[in-house]
């Protein structure tokens, strides 16, 4: 399955990859966050409760 992901507009090197999550009620939330594949860049954009945040660190959950 080929996917064309958008290029990161911050570093112009990496691609933005979508991340999904599950809501409080267990419903799937597709594309909750997008992160740059380039580890030196660190750009991210995510949606939390309708608020869009840029550049917050994306960390692995302990769950």
C-alpha atoms as a PDB file:
ATOM      1  CA  UNK A   1       0.000   0.000   0.000  1.00  0.00           C
ATOM      2  CA  UNK A   2       1.750   3.167  -1.199  1.00  0.00           C
ATOM      3  CA  UNK A   3       1.090   6.377   0.705  1.00  0.00           C
ATOM      4  CA  UNK A   4       2.160   9.880  -0.214  1.00  0.00           C
ATOM      5  CA  UNK A   5       2.822  11.813   2.966  1.00  0.00           C
ATOM      6  CA  UNK A   6       3.287  15.602   3.015  1.00  0.00           C
ATOM      7  CA  UNK A   7       6.751  17.086   3.313  1.00  0.00           C
ATOM      8  CA  UNK A   8       7.528  18.869   6.582  1.00  0.00           C
ATOM      9  CA  UNK A   9       7.316  22.624   6.019  1.00  0.00           C
ATOM     10  CA  UNK A  10       9.648  23.317   8.967  1.00  0.00           C
ATOM     11  CA  UNK A  11      12.749  21.362   7.860  1.00  0.00           C
ATOM     12  CA  UNK A  12      11.826  20.604   4.219  1.00  0.00           C
ATOM     13  CA  UNK A  13      13.659  17.286   4.662  1.00  0.00           C
ATOM     14  CA  UNK A  14      11.390  14.895   6.535  1.00  0.00           C
ATOM     15  CA  UNK A  15       7.890  13.669   5.845  1.00  0.00           C
ATOM     16  CA  UNK A  16       4.928  14.203   8.159  1.00  0.00           C
ATOM     17  CA  UNK A  17       3.593  10.886   9.415  1.00  0.00           C
ATOM     18  CA  UNK A  18       0.094  10.547  10.920  1.00  0.00           C
ATOM     19  CA  UNK A  19      -0.460   9.058  14.365  1.00  0.00           C
ATOM     20  CA  UNK A  20      -3.790   7.787  15.626  1.00  0.00           C
ATOM     21  CA  UNK A  21      -5.110   7.258  19.154  1.00  0.00           C
ATOM     22  CA  UNK A  22      -8.167   6.177  21.094  1.00  0.00           C
ATOM     23  CA  UNK A  23     -10.535   8.542  22.888  1.00  0.00           C
ATOM     24  CA  UNK A  24     -11.767   8.256  26.474  1.00  0.00           C
ATOM     25  CA  UNK A  25     -14.710   6.138  25.388  1.00  0.00           C
ATOM     26  CA  UNK A  26     -12.492   3.850  23.310  1.00  0.00           C
ATOM     27  CA  UNK A  27     -13.422   5.328  19.920  1.00  0.00           C
ATOM     28  CA  UNK A  28     -10.644   5.469  17.352  1.00  0.00           C
ATOM     29  CA  UNK A  29      -9.274   8.955  16.568  1.00  0.00           C
ATOM     30  CA  UNK A  30      -7.568   8.871  13.181  1.00  0.00           C
ATOM     31  CA  UNK A  31      -4.737  11.323  12.568  1.00  0.00           C
ATOM     32  CA  UNK A  32      -4.731  12.846  16.046  1.00  0.00           C
ATOM     33  CA  UNK A  33      -1.156  13.984  15.476  1.00  0.00           C
ATOM     34  CA  UNK A  34       1.333  14.430  12.663  1.00  0.00           C
ATOM     35  CA  UNK A  35       5.069  14.212  13.366  1.00  0.00           C
ATOM     36  CA  UNK A  36       8.129  14.844  11.241  1.00  0.00           C
ATOM     37  CA  UNK A  37      10.101  11.729  10.365  1.00  0.00           C
ATOM     38  CA  UNK A  38      13.371  13.681  10.641  1.00  0.00           C
ATOM     39  CA  UNK A  39      14.521  13.217  14.290  1.00  0.00           C
ATOM     40  CA  UNK A  40      16.588  16.430  14.153  1.00  0.00           C
ATOM     41  CA  UNK A  41      13.494  18.475  13.299  1.00  0.00           C
ATOM     42  CA  UNK A  42      11.018  17.444  16.001  1.00  0.00           C
ATOM     43  CA  UNK A  43       8.024  19.237  14.447  1.00  0.00           C
ATOM     44  CA  UNK A  44       4.632  17.971  15.514  1.00  0.00           C
ATOM     45  CA  UNK A  45       1.048  19.097  15.292  1.00  0.00           C
ATOM     46  CA  UNK A  46      -1.711  17.485  17.342  1.00  0.00           C
ATOM     47  CA  UNK A  47      -5.336  17.903  18.346  1.00  0.00           C
ATOM     48  CA  UNK A  48      -6.423  17.590  21.988  1.00  0.00           C
ATOM     49  CA  UNK A  49     -10.047  18.244  22.879  1.00  0.00           C
ATOM     50  CA  UNK A  50     -10.432  20.455  19.807  1.00  0.00           C
ATOM     51  CA  UNK A  51      -7.293  22.505  20.535  1.00  0.00           C
ATOM     52  CA  UNK A  52      -4.476  22.408  17.977  1.00  0.00           C
ATOM     53  CA  UNK A  53      -0.968  22.485  19.412  1.00  0.00           C
ATOM     54  CA  UNK A  54       2.307  22.835  17.543  1.00  0.00           C
ATOM     55  CA  UNK A  55       5.714  21.594  18.553  1.00  0.00           C
ATOM     56  CA  UNK A  56       4.835  19.805  21.776  1.00  0.00           C
ATOM     57  CA  UNK A  57       6.994  16.784  22.339  1.00  0.00           C
ATOM     58  CA  UNK A  58       5.546  13.464  21.229  1.00  0.00           C
ATOM     59  CA  UNK A  59       6.353  10.821  23.797  1.00  0.00           C
ATOM     60  CA  UNK A  60       5.633   7.129  24.035  1.00  0.00           C
ATOM     61  CA  UNK A  61       2.839   6.319  26.445  1.00  0.00           C
ATOM     62  CA  UNK A  62       3.506   4.098  29.438  1.00  0.00           C
ATOM     63  CA  UNK A  63       0.175   2.332  28.829  1.00  0.00           C
END
